[in-house]
């Protein structure tokens, strides 16, 4: 497929990276199959424990250098990444759709979210303000200054295989942090494609190895990260069960967490509601992204006077949906 070539993806791909360099890891492979047609897209090597430790050490070393780069200069790198994503929006959007299974428009929309967060982060890089505070002591002043945390771990889910990473990474980078990304083992090729795009920007700007890292694997890799004292903050997106496990492990070492987990979302439809408008919202809310979203509609609470009417509208709408 042409879009795979445009993203520099091959039948067999390394999965562990420190930025511009791919690190040879063990021979265990993740086979990525498309839910669209069931075909195997390609394979990605998983990350061994030794390679994982090497990558974290590289990230720690990079942090000491990256944090000293002025924030607007860090923002300039993120701006260039946003532009690189603009150039690769179509092939990357196609890959997201093909590997994850969402519609093409949603795949393209997800890449647009990456571009948008890069634009936001660029502005933020010039707005890392702190307060200046009056002191009761003569000839003294107090001021507030924000410092980067260090190494940020990112665990992303299969349903948004690229956008979730970008929301975390773009903001972490402009604030002076470095990132290690563990993508879902269901969508590993999306992460490899993104890393290829980022690597091109980093090469042009001589960014040190370790600012943008990826590791691949199943639950055990996430456990390594959650229990690793070298990772100051863990941002994890996925199931509530996963979030509880990550939170417990990170809290045990007094680390920081950002958790975006599952939902149980309801729509309330009153007797005065515009039923046609409500129908569109309910159907897309339930079937968008193939129903695989933390914000997916799971329950409808409908006023009894319109229950039968709205139920029939739902049935008719679902009859028009195409599976696959």
C-alpha atoms as a PDB file:
ATOM      1  CA  UNK A   1       0.000   0.000   0.000  1.00  0.00           C
ATOM      2  CA  UNK A   2       1.351   3.384  -1.010  1.00  0.00           C
ATOM      3  CA  UNK A   3       0.624   5.120   2.303  1.00  0.00           C
ATOM      4  CA  UNK A   4       2.816   2.595   4.132  1.00  0.00           C
ATOM      5  CA  UNK A   5       5.743   3.505   1.872  1.00  0.00           C
ATOM      6  CA  UNK A   6       5.130   7.215   2.437  1.00  0.00           C
ATOM      7  CA  UNK A   7       5.419   6.604   6.186  1.00  0.00           C
ATOM      8  CA  UNK A   8       8.622   4.567   5.760  1.00  0.00           C
ATOM      9  CA  UNK A   9       7.006   1.394   7.106  1.00  0.00           C
ATOM     10  CA  UNK A  10       8.176  -2.074   6.112  1.00  0.00           C
ATOM     11  CA  UNK A  11       6.994  -5.640   6.516  1.00  0.00           C
ATOM     12  CA  UNK A  12       9.277  -5.952   9.550  1.00  0.00           C
ATOM     13  CA  UNK A  13       9.948  -2.900  11.745  1.00  0.00           C
ATOM     14  CA  UNK A  14      12.076  -2.169  14.775  1.00  0.00           C
ATOM     15  CA  UNK A  15       9.957  -0.933  17.676  1.00  0.00           C
ATOM     16  CA  UNK A  16      12.392   0.603  20.171  1.00  0.00           C
ATOM     17  CA  UNK A  17      13.775   4.080  19.590  1.00  0.00           C
ATOM     18  CA  UNK A  18      15.575   6.898  21.386  1.00  0.00           C
ATOM     19  CA  UNK A  19      14.541   9.532  18.850  1.00  0.00           C
ATOM     20  CA  UNK A  20      16.429   9.331  15.579  1.00  0.00           C
ATOM     21  CA  UNK A  21      17.959   5.915  16.249  1.00  0.00           C
ATOM     22  CA  UNK A  22      16.263   2.525  16.343  1.00  0.00           C
ATOM     23  CA  UNK A  23      17.614   0.160  18.985  1.00  0.00           C
ATOM     24  CA  UNK A  24      17.836  -3.521  18.085  1.00  0.00           C
ATOM     25  CA  UNK A  25      15.790  -5.509  20.565  1.00  0.00           C
ATOM     26  CA  UNK A  26      14.640  -9.104  21.018  1.00  0.00           C
ATOM     27  CA  UNK A  27      13.127 -11.309  18.334  1.00  0.00           C
ATOM     28  CA  UNK A  28       9.614 -11.329  19.803  1.00  0.00           C
ATOM     29  CA  UNK A  29       7.272  -9.761  17.273  1.00  0.00           C
ATOM     30  CA  UNK A  30       3.924  -8.027  17.426  1.00  0.00           C
ATOM     31  CA  UNK A  31       1.896  -8.888  14.349  1.00  0.00           C
ATOM     32  CA  UNK A  32      -0.446  -6.084  13.365  1.00  0.00           C
ATOM     33  CA  UNK A  33      -3.655  -7.141  11.605  1.00  0.00           C
ATOM     34  CA  UNK A  34      -6.138  -4.708  10.099  1.00  0.00           C
ATOM     35  CA  UNK A  35      -9.703  -5.037  11.418  1.00  0.00           C
ATOM     36  CA  UNK A  36     -10.819  -3.633   8.054  1.00  0.00           C
ATOM     37  CA  UNK A  37      -9.950  -6.725   5.993  1.00  0.00           C
ATOM     38  CA  UNK A  38      -8.153  -9.073   8.393  1.00  0.00           C
ATOM     39  CA  UNK A  39      -4.843  -8.834   6.531  1.00  0.00           C
ATOM     40  CA  UNK A  40      -1.524  -8.588   8.347  1.00  0.00           C
ATOM     41  CA  UNK A  41      -0.037  -5.130   7.804  1.00  0.00           C
ATOM     42  CA  UNK A  42       3.410  -5.798   9.256  1.00  0.00           C
ATOM     43  CA  UNK A  43       5.363  -6.732  12.357  1.00  0.00           C
ATOM     44  CA  UNK A  44       7.123  -4.731  15.068  1.00  0.00           C
ATOM     45  CA  UNK A  45       9.855  -5.958  17.418  1.00  0.00           C
ATOM     46  CA  UNK A  46       9.033  -5.715  21.110  1.00  0.00           C
ATOM     47  CA  UNK A  47      11.347  -4.135  23.687  1.00  0.00           C
ATOM     48  CA  UNK A  48      13.480  -6.307  25.965  1.00  0.00           C
ATOM     49  CA  UNK A  49      14.184  -5.305  29.571  1.00  0.00           C
ATOM     50  CA  UNK A  50      17.824  -4.521  28.782  1.00  0.00           C
ATOM     51  CA  UNK A  51      16.862  -2.275  25.872  1.00  0.00           C
ATOM     52  CA  UNK A  52      14.183  -0.636  28.012  1.00  0.00           C
ATOM     53  CA  UNK A  53      16.765   0.259  30.668  1.00  0.00           C
ATOM     54  CA  UNK A  54      19.082   1.648  27.997  1.00  0.00           C
ATOM     55  CA  UNK A  55      16.293   3.830  26.606  1.00  0.00           C
ATOM     56  CA  UNK A  56      15.354   5.217  30.033  1.00  0.00           C
ATOM     57  CA  UNK A  57      19.012   6.001  30.767  1.00  0.00           C
ATOM     58  CA  UNK A  58      19.254   7.804  27.421  1.00  0.00           C
ATOM     59  CA  UNK A  59      16.121   9.802  28.246  1.00  0.00           C
ATOM     60  CA  UNK A  60      17.544  10.803  31.642  1.00  0.00           C
ATOM     61  CA  UNK A  61      20.718  12.055  29.984  1.00  0.00           C
ATOM     62  CA  UNK A  62      18.734  13.976  27.356  1.00  0.00           C
ATOM     63  CA  UNK A  63      16.612  15.669  30.022  1.00  0.00           C
ATOM     64  CA  UNK A  64      19.684  17.332  31.528  1.00  0.00           C
ATOM     65  CA  UNK A  65      20.316  18.983  28.151  1.00  0.00           C
ATOM     66  CA  UNK A  66      16.763  19.540  26.893  1.00  0.00           C
ATOM     67  CA  UNK A  67      15.595  21.355  30.033  1.00  0.00           C
ATOM     68  CA  UNK A  68      18.230  24.049  29.413  1.00  0.00           C
ATOM     69  CA  UNK A  69      16.956  24.822  25.908  1.00  0.00           C
ATOM     70  CA  UNK A  70      14.846  28.023  26.119  1.00  0.00           C
ATOM     71  CA  UNK A  71      11.135  27.232  26.067  1.00  0.00           C
ATOM     72  CA  UNK A  72      10.434  29.201  22.843  1.00  0.00           C
ATOM     73  CA  UNK A  73      13.218  27.218  21.149  1.00  0.00           C
ATOM     74  CA  UNK A  74      11.588  23.999  22.317  1.00  0.00           C
ATOM     75  CA  UNK A  75       8.331  25.364  20.937  1.00  0.00           C
ATOM     76  CA  UNK A  76       9.998  25.898  17.572  1.00  0.00           C
ATOM     77  CA  UNK A  77      10.807  22.179  17.385  1.00  0.00           C
ATOM     78  CA  UNK A  78       7.172  21.348  18.148  1.00  0.00           C
ATOM     79  CA  UNK A  79       6.081  23.824  15.462  1.00  0.00           C
ATOM     80  CA  UNK A  80       8.192  21.962  12.926  1.00  0.00           C
ATOM     81  CA  UNK A  81       6.700  18.649  14.056  1.00  0.00           C
ATOM     82  CA  UNK A  82       3.231  20.107  13.509  1.00  0.00           C
ATOM     83  CA  UNK A  83       4.190  21.111   9.977  1.00  0.00           C
ATOM     84  CA  UNK A  84       5.663  17.662   9.312  1.00  0.00           C
ATOM     85  CA  UNK A  85       2.368  16.138  10.438  1.00  0.00           C
ATOM     86  CA  UNK A  86       0.514  18.441   8.041  1.00  0.00           C
ATOM     87  CA  UNK A  87       2.606  17.054   5.199  1.00  0.00           C
ATOM     88  CA  UNK A  88       1.898  13.468   6.257  1.00  0.00           C
ATOM     89  CA  UNK A  89      -1.728  13.958   7.299  1.00  0.00           C
ATOM     90  CA  UNK A  90      -3.251  11.876   4.517  1.00  0.00           C
ATOM     91  CA  UNK A  91      -1.009   8.775   4.727  1.00  0.00           C
ATOM     92  CA  UNK A  92      -0.958   8.828   8.536  1.00  0.00           C
ATOM     93  CA  UNK A  93      -4.740   9.248   8.653  1.00  0.00           C
ATOM     94  CA  UNK A  94      -5.115   6.269   6.313  1.00  0.00           C
ATOM     95  CA  UNK A  95      -2.850   4.179   8.544  1.00  0.00           C
ATOM     96  CA  UNK A  96      -4.832   5.106  11.664  1.00  0.00           C
ATOM     97  CA  UNK A  97      -8.030   4.078   9.889  1.00  0.00           C
ATOM     98  CA  UNK A  98      -6.568   0.841   8.518  1.00  0.00           C
ATOM     99  CA  UNK A  99      -4.723  -0.362  11.615  1.00  0.00           C
ATOM    100  CA  UNK A 100      -7.267   0.750  14.234  1.00  0.00           C
ATOM    101  CA  UNK A 101     -10.487   0.287  12.252  1.00  0.00           C
ATOM    102  CA  UNK A 102     -12.132   3.704  12.538  1.00  0.00           C
ATOM    103  CA  UNK A 103     -13.455   5.549   9.493  1.00  0.00           C
ATOM    104  CA  UNK A 104     -11.053   7.394   7.209  1.00  0.00           C
ATOM    105  CA  UNK A 105     -12.519  10.761   8.178  1.00  0.00           C
ATOM    106  CA  UNK A 106     -11.963   9.960  11.843  1.00  0.00           C
ATOM    107  CA  UNK A 107      -8.407   8.866  11.055  1.00  0.00           C
ATOM    108  CA  UNK A 108      -7.704  12.155   9.301  1.00  0.00           C
ATOM    109  CA  UNK A 109      -9.414  14.000  12.140  1.00  0.00           C
ATOM    110  CA  UNK A 110      -7.142  12.334  14.659  1.00  0.00           C
ATOM    111  CA  UNK A 111      -4.043  13.549  12.823  1.00  0.00           C
ATOM    112  CA  UNK A 112      -5.596  17.018  12.743  1.00  0.00           C
ATOM    113  CA  UNK A 113      -5.837  16.828  16.536  1.00  0.00           C
ATOM    114  CA  UNK A 114      -2.084  16.201  16.607  1.00  0.00           C
ATOM    115  CA  UNK A 115      -1.508  19.268  14.453  1.00  0.00           C
ATOM    116  CA  UNK A 116      -3.807  21.369  16.636  1.00  0.00           C
ATOM    117  CA  UNK A 117      -2.062  20.419  19.885  1.00  0.00           C
ATOM    118  CA  UNK A 118       1.303  21.281  18.322  1.00  0.00           C
ATOM    119  CA  UNK A 119      -0.051  24.739  17.459  1.00  0.00           C
ATOM    120  CA  UNK A 120      -1.354  25.126  21.013  1.00  0.00           C
ATOM    121  CA  UNK A 121       1.947  23.996  22.515  1.00  0.00           C
ATOM    122  CA  UNK A 122       3.917  26.489  20.417  1.00  0.00           C
ATOM    123  CA  UNK A 123       1.911  29.331  21.953  1.00  0.00           C
ATOM    124  CA  UNK A 124       2.277  27.828  25.407  1.00  0.00           C
ATOM    125  CA  UNK A 125       6.068  27.804  25.039  1.00  0.00           C
ATOM    126  CA  UNK A 126       5.988  31.614  25.338  1.00  0.00           C
ATOM    127  CA  UNK A 127       3.472  31.656  28.190  1.00  0.00           C
ATOM    128  CA  UNK A 128       5.121  29.641  30.968  1.00  0.00           C
ATOM    129  CA  UNK A 129       4.490  32.477  33.368  1.00  0.00           C
ATOM    130  CA  UNK A 130       5.187  32.735  37.090  1.00  0.00           C
ATOM    131  CA  UNK A 131       3.995  35.185  39.729  1.00  0.00           C
ATOM    132  CA  UNK A 132       6.038  37.982  41.271  1.00  0.00           C
ATOM    133  CA  UNK A 133       5.047  38.371  44.916  1.00  0.00           C
ATOM    134  CA  UNK A 134       5.617  41.200  47.389  1.00  0.00           C
ATOM    135  CA  UNK A 135       7.589  40.281  50.496  1.00  0.00           C
ATOM    136  CA  UNK A 136       7.272  41.661  54.022  1.00  0.00           C
ATOM    137  CA  UNK A 137      11.077  41.800  54.153  1.00  0.00           C
ATOM    138  CA  UNK A 138      12.700  44.994  52.836  1.00  0.00           C
ATOM    139  CA  UNK A 139      14.806  44.724  49.667  1.00  0.00           C
ATOM    140  CA  UNK A 140      13.454  41.253  48.929  1.00  0.00           C
ATOM    141  CA  UNK A 141      11.105  39.862  46.338  1.00  0.00           C
ATOM    142  CA  UNK A 142       9.595  36.457  45.782  1.00  0.00           C
ATOM    143  CA  UNK A 143       8.891  34.920  42.415  1.00  0.00           C
ATOM    144  CA  UNK A 144       7.353  31.727  41.110  1.00  0.00           C
ATOM    145  CA  UNK A 145       9.166  29.626  38.525  1.00  0.00           C
ATOM    146  CA  UNK A 146       7.954  26.355  37.048  1.00  0.00           C
ATOM    147  CA  UNK A 147      10.471  23.574  36.481  1.00  0.00           C
ATOM    148  CA  UNK A 148      10.157  20.482  34.261  1.00  0.00           C
ATOM    149  CA  UNK A 149       9.575  17.141  35.946  1.00  0.00           C
ATOM    150  CA  UNK A 150      11.985  14.981  33.957  1.00  0.00           C
ATOM    151  CA  UNK A 151      11.102  11.767  32.139  1.00  0.00           C
ATOM    152  CA  UNK A 152       7.392  11.457  31.293  1.00  0.00           C
ATOM    153  CA  UNK A 153       5.951   8.023  30.511  1.00  0.00           C
ATOM    154  CA  UNK A 154       3.013   7.800  28.103  1.00  0.00           C
ATOM    155  CA  UNK A 155       0.786   4.739  27.709  1.00  0.00           C
ATOM    156  CA  UNK A 156      -1.762   5.151  24.920  1.00  0.00           C
ATOM    157  CA  UNK A 157      -4.753   3.033  23.924  1.00  0.00           C
ATOM    158  CA  UNK A 158      -5.608   1.517  20.550  1.00  0.00           C
ATOM    159  CA  UNK A 159      -8.712   3.624  19.919  1.00  0.00           C
ATOM    160  CA  UNK A 160      -6.740   6.867  19.500  1.00  0.00           C
ATOM    161  CA  UNK A 161      -3.350   5.464  18.526  1.00  0.00           C
ATOM    162  CA  UNK A 162      -1.609   8.767  17.729  1.00  0.00           C
ATOM    163  CA  UNK A 163      -3.594  11.734  19.102  1.00  0.00           C
ATOM    164  CA  UNK A 164      -3.315  10.774  22.778  1.00  0.00           C
ATOM    165  CA  UNK A 165       0.468  10.572  22.511  1.00  0.00           C
ATOM    166  CA  UNK A 166       0.639  14.010  20.901  1.00  0.00           C
ATOM    167  CA  UNK A 167      -1.526  15.637  23.580  1.00  0.00           C
ATOM    168  CA  UNK A 168       1.001  14.503  26.158  1.00  0.00           C
ATOM    169  CA  UNK A 169       4.259  14.812  24.239  1.00  0.00           C
ATOM    170  CA  UNK A 170       3.794  18.271  22.705  1.00  0.00           C
ATOM    171  CA  UNK A 171       2.986  19.860  26.065  1.00  0.00           C
ATOM    172  CA  UNK A 172       5.658  17.891  27.923  1.00  0.00           C
ATOM    173  CA  UNK A 173       8.329  18.927  25.418  1.00  0.00           C
ATOM    174  CA  UNK A 174       7.673  22.671  25.532  1.00  0.00           C
ATOM    175  CA  UNK A 175       7.775  22.472  29.332  1.00  0.00           C
ATOM    176  CA  UNK A 176      11.250  20.909  29.160  1.00  0.00           C
ATOM    177  CA  UNK A 177      10.417  17.254  29.755  1.00  0.00           C
ATOM    178  CA  UNK A 178      11.399  14.198  27.708  1.00  0.00           C
ATOM    179  CA  UNK A 179       9.012  11.376  26.805  1.00  0.00           C
ATOM    180  CA  UNK A 180       8.909   7.590  26.619  1.00  0.00           C
ATOM    181  CA  UNK A 181       5.880   6.248  24.760  1.00  0.00           C
ATOM    182  CA  UNK A 182       4.410   2.774  25.084  1.00  0.00           C
ATOM    183  CA  UNK A 183       1.700   2.494  22.422  1.00  0.00           C
ATOM    184  CA  UNK A 184      -1.000  -0.149  22.369  1.00  0.00           C
ATOM    185  CA  UNK A 185       0.220  -3.493  21.079  1.00  0.00           C
ATOM    186  CA  UNK A 186      -2.879  -3.464  18.831  1.00  0.00           C
ATOM    187  CA  UNK A 187      -1.623  -0.419  16.880  1.00  0.00           C
ATOM    188  CA  UNK A 188       2.198  -0.530  16.946  1.00  0.00           C
ATOM    189  CA  UNK A 189       2.718   0.585  13.351  1.00  0.00           C
ATOM    190  CA  UNK A 190       1.051   3.931  14.039  1.00  0.00           C
ATOM    191  CA  UNK A 191       3.701   4.647  16.675  1.00  0.00           C
ATOM    192  CA  UNK A 192       6.547   3.651  14.356  1.00  0.00           C
ATOM    193  CA  UNK A 193       5.166   5.938  11.641  1.00  0.00           C
ATOM    194  CA  UNK A 194       4.909   8.864  14.065  1.00  0.00           C
ATOM    195  CA  UNK A 195       8.432   8.253  15.336  1.00  0.00           C
ATOM    196  CA  UNK A 196       9.719   8.355  11.761  1.00  0.00           C
ATOM    197  CA  UNK A 197       8.071  11.756  11.271  1.00  0.00           C
ATOM    198  CA  UNK A 198       9.476  13.128  14.537  1.00  0.00           C
ATOM    199  CA  UNK A 199      12.933  11.703  13.797  1.00  0.00           C
ATOM    200  CA  UNK A 200      13.193  13.676  10.553  1.00  0.00           C
ATOM    201  CA  UNK A 201      12.572  16.922  12.449  1.00  0.00           C
ATOM    202  CA  UNK A 202      14.994  15.977  15.220  1.00  0.00           C
ATOM    203  CA  UNK A 203      17.757  15.139  12.730  1.00  0.00           C
ATOM    204  CA  UNK A 204      17.452  18.535  11.056  1.00  0.00           C
ATOM    205  CA  UNK A 205      17.742  20.289  14.421  1.00  0.00           C
ATOM    206  CA  UNK A 206      20.372  18.073  16.109  1.00  0.00           C
ATOM    207  CA  UNK A 207      18.065  17.200  18.999  1.00  0.00           C
ATOM    208  CA  UNK A 208      19.768  14.831  21.472  1.00  0.00           C
ATOM    209  CA  UNK A 209      18.784  11.190  21.610  1.00  0.00           C
ATOM    210  CA  UNK A 210      16.290  10.517  24.386  1.00  0.00           C
ATOM    211  CA  UNK A 211      13.857  13.423  23.994  1.00  0.00           C
ATOM    212  CA  UNK A 212      11.307  11.252  22.165  1.00  0.00           C
ATOM    213  CA  UNK A 213      11.498   7.515  22.862  1.00  0.00           C
ATOM    214  CA  UNK A 214       9.210   4.578  22.166  1.00  0.00           C
ATOM    215  CA  UNK A 215       9.056   1.086  23.644  1.00  0.00           C
ATOM    216  CA  UNK A 216       6.828  -1.766  22.504  1.00  0.00           C
ATOM    217  CA  UNK A 217       5.193  -4.688  24.239  1.00  0.00           C
ATOM    218  CA  UNK A 218       2.327  -5.934  26.331  1.00  0.00           C
ATOM    219  CA  UNK A 219       1.372  -5.350  29.959  1.00  0.00           C
ATOM    220  CA  UNK A 220       4.815  -6.090  31.383  1.00  0.00           C
ATOM    221  CA  UNK A 221       6.341  -3.066  29.606  1.00  0.00           C
ATOM    222  CA  UNK A 222       3.720  -0.831  31.186  1.00  0.00           C
ATOM    223  CA  UNK A 223       4.549  -2.393  34.548  1.00  0.00           C
ATOM    224  CA  UNK A 224       8.258  -1.631  34.064  1.00  0.00           C
ATOM    225  CA  UNK A 225       7.368   1.999  33.454  1.00  0.00           C
ATOM    226  CA  UNK A 226       4.886   2.273  36.319  1.00  0.00           C
ATOM    227  CA  UNK A 227       7.386   0.875  38.814  1.00  0.00           C
ATOM    228  CA  UNK A 228      10.368   2.847  37.491  1.00  0.00           C
ATOM    229  CA  UNK A 229      11.453   5.625  39.858  1.00  0.00           C
ATOM    230  CA  UNK A 230      13.297   7.297  36.984  1.00  0.00           C
ATOM    231  CA  UNK A 231       9.949   8.174  35.356  1.00  0.00           C
ATOM    232  CA  UNK A 232       8.589  11.211  37.187  1.00  0.00           C
ATOM    233  CA  UNK A 233       5.095  11.163  35.716  1.00  0.00           C
ATOM    234  CA  UNK A 234       3.009   8.440  34.100  1.00  0.00           C
ATOM    235  CA  UNK A 235       0.202   9.458  31.766  1.00  0.00           C
ATOM    236  CA  UNK A 236      -1.957   6.443  30.965  1.00  0.00           C
ATOM    237  CA  UNK A 237      -5.009   6.146  28.741  1.00  0.00           C
ATOM    238  CA  UNK A 238      -7.040   2.949  28.710  1.00  0.00           C
ATOM    239  CA  UNK A 239      -9.402   0.870  30.787  1.00  0.00           C
ATOM    240  CA  UNK A 240     -10.336   1.639  34.372  1.00  0.00           C
ATOM    241  CA  UNK A 241      -8.730  -1.654  35.405  1.00  0.00           C
ATOM    242  CA  UNK A 242      -5.461  -0.612  33.798  1.00  0.00           C
ATOM    243  CA  UNK A 243      -5.639   2.822  35.404  1.00  0.00           C
ATOM    244  CA  UNK A 244      -6.083   1.352  38.865  1.00  0.00           C
ATOM    245  CA  UNK A 245      -2.997  -0.823  38.378  1.00  0.00           C
ATOM    246  CA  UNK A 246      -0.882   2.075  37.085  1.00  0.00           C
ATOM    247  CA  UNK A 247      -2.060   4.416  39.828  1.00  0.00           C
ATOM    248  CA  UNK A 248      -1.298   1.917  42.584  1.00  0.00           C
ATOM    249  CA  UNK A 249       2.210   1.219  41.271  1.00  0.00           C
ATOM    250  CA  UNK A 250       3.136   4.870  40.734  1.00  0.00           C
ATOM    251  CA  UNK A 251       1.638   5.970  44.062  1.00  0.00           C
ATOM    252  CA  UNK A 252       3.717   3.309  45.817  1.00  0.00           C
ATOM    253  CA  UNK A 253       6.834   5.249  44.772  1.00  0.00           C
ATOM    254  CA  UNK A 254       5.188   8.678  45.259  1.00  0.00           C
ATOM    255  CA  UNK A 255       5.241   9.451  41.542  1.00  0.00           C
ATOM    256  CA  UNK A 256       2.705  11.499  39.602  1.00  0.00           C
ATOM    257  CA  UNK A 257      -0.056  10.230  37.320  1.00  0.00           C
ATOM    258  CA  UNK A 258      -2.445  11.532  34.686  1.00  0.00           C
ATOM    259  CA  UNK A 259      -5.181   8.983  33.963  1.00  0.00           C
ATOM    260  CA  UNK A 260      -7.750   9.045  31.170  1.00  0.00           C
ATOM    261  CA  UNK A 261      -9.881   5.961  31.658  1.00  0.00           C
ATOM    262  CA  UNK A 262     -13.198   4.400  30.693  1.00  0.00           C
ATOM    263  CA  UNK A 263     -16.596   6.051  30.949  1.00  0.00           C
ATOM    264  CA  UNK A 264     -20.242   5.101  31.362  1.00  0.00           C
ATOM    265  CA  UNK A 265     -21.971   7.852  29.461  1.00  0.00           C
ATOM    266  CA  UNK A 266     -25.671   8.609  29.284  1.00  0.00           C
ATOM    267  CA  UNK A 267     -27.836  10.859  27.119  1.00  0.00           C
ATOM    268  CA  UNK A 268     -30.977  12.293  28.724  1.00  0.00           C
ATOM    269  CA  UNK A 269     -33.778  13.005  26.243  1.00  0.00           C
ATOM    270  CA  UNK A 270     -36.647  15.074  27.615  1.00  0.00           C
ATOM    271  CA  UNK A 271     -40.161  15.238  26.221  1.00  0.00           C
ATOM    272  CA  UNK A 272     -39.345  18.672  24.754  1.00  0.00           C
ATOM    273  CA  UNK A 273     -36.190  17.544  22.926  1.00  0.00           C
ATOM    274  CA  UNK A 274     -35.600  17.945  19.195  1.00  0.00           C
ATOM    275  CA  UNK A 275     -35.738  14.225  18.406  1.00  0.00           C
ATOM    276  CA  UNK A 276     -33.988  14.476  15.036  1.00  0.00           C
ATOM    277  CA  UNK A 277     -31.059  16.323  16.576  1.00  0.00           C
ATOM    278  CA  UNK A 278     -30.980  13.921  19.525  1.00  0.00           C
ATOM    279  CA  UNK A 279     -30.976  10.971  17.130  1.00  0.00           C
ATOM    280  CA  UNK A 280     -27.853  12.172  15.326  1.00  0.00           C
ATOM    281  CA  UNK A 281     -26.031  12.754  18.601  1.00  0.00           C
ATOM    282  CA  UNK A 282     -27.032   9.407  20.085  1.00  0.00           C
ATOM    283  CA  UNK A 283     -26.176   7.312  17.035  1.00  0.00           C
ATOM    284  CA  UNK A 284     -22.795   8.898  16.359  1.00  0.00           C
ATOM    285  CA  UNK A 285     -22.041   8.935  20.074  1.00  0.00           C
ATOM    286  CA  UNK A 286     -22.605   5.184  20.153  1.00  0.00           C
ATOM    287  CA  UNK A 287     -21.057   4.030  16.870  1.00  0.00           C
ATOM    288  CA  UNK A 288     -18.352   6.647  16.201  1.00  0.00           C
ATOM    289  CA  UNK A 289     -14.844   5.162  16.405  1.00  0.00           C
ATOM    290  CA  UNK A 290     -16.658   1.809  16.193  1.00  0.00           C
ATOM    291  CA  UNK A 291     -17.951   2.466  19.696  1.00  0.00           C
ATOM    292  CA  UNK A 292     -14.433   2.346  21.122  1.00  0.00           C
ATOM    293  CA  UNK A 293     -14.200   5.645  23.018  1.00  0.00           C
ATOM    294  CA  UNK A 294     -14.189   6.671  26.655  1.00  0.00           C
ATOM    295  CA  UNK A 295     -16.966   9.099  25.679  1.00  0.00           C
ATOM    296  CA  UNK A 296     -19.064   6.519  23.803  1.00  0.00           C
ATOM    297  CA  UNK A 297     -22.793   6.677  24.528  1.00  0.00           C
ATOM    298  CA  UNK A 298     -23.784   3.606  26.528  1.00  0.00           C
ATOM    299  CA  UNK A 299     -27.168   4.521  27.999  1.00  0.00           C
ATOM    300  CA  UNK A 300     -30.228   6.490  26.902  1.00  0.00           C
ATOM    301  CA  UNK A 301     -32.578   7.933  29.507  1.00  0.00           C
ATOM    302  CA  UNK A 302     -35.744   8.791  27.578  1.00  0.00           C
ATOM    303  CA  UNK A 303     -38.945  10.409  28.797  1.00  0.00           C
ATOM    304  CA  UNK A 304     -41.738   7.840  28.740  1.00  0.00           C
ATOM    305  CA  UNK A 305     -43.987   9.976  26.534  1.00  0.00           C
ATOM    306  CA  UNK A 306     -41.526   9.824  23.611  1.00  0.00           C
ATOM    307  CA  UNK A 307     -39.915   6.460  24.333  1.00  0.00           C
ATOM    308  CA  UNK A 308     -41.605   4.405  21.596  1.00  0.00           C
ATOM    309  CA  UNK A 309     -41.242   7.144  18.972  1.00  0.00           C
ATOM    310  CA  UNK A 310     -37.545   7.603  19.645  1.00  0.00           C
ATOM    311  CA  UNK A 311     -36.903   3.868  19.838  1.00  0.00           C
ATOM    312  CA  UNK A 312     -38.316   3.430  16.343  1.00  0.00           C
ATOM    313  CA  UNK A 313     -36.144   6.276  15.046  1.00  0.00           C
ATOM    314  CA  UNK A 314     -33.103   4.527  16.522  1.00  0.00           C
ATOM    315  CA  UNK A 315     -34.024   1.212  14.922  1.00  0.00           C
ATOM    316  CA  UNK A 316     -34.420   2.861  11.517  1.00  0.00           C
ATOM    317  CA  UNK A 317     -31.095   4.676  11.886  1.00  0.00           C
ATOM    318  CA  UNK A 318     -29.213   1.515  12.841  1.00  0.00           C
ATOM    319  CA  UNK A 319     -30.644  -0.308   9.822  1.00  0.00           C
ATOM    320  CA  UNK A 320     -28.730   2.160   7.627  1.00  0.00           C
ATOM    321  CA  UNK A 321     -25.336   1.474   9.207  1.00  0.00           C
ATOM    322  CA  UNK A 322     -22.755  -0.526   7.275  1.00  0.00           C
ATOM    323  CA  UNK A 323     -20.546  -2.944   9.194  1.00  0.00           C
ATOM    324  CA  UNK A 324     -16.939  -3.045   7.999  1.00  0.00           C
END
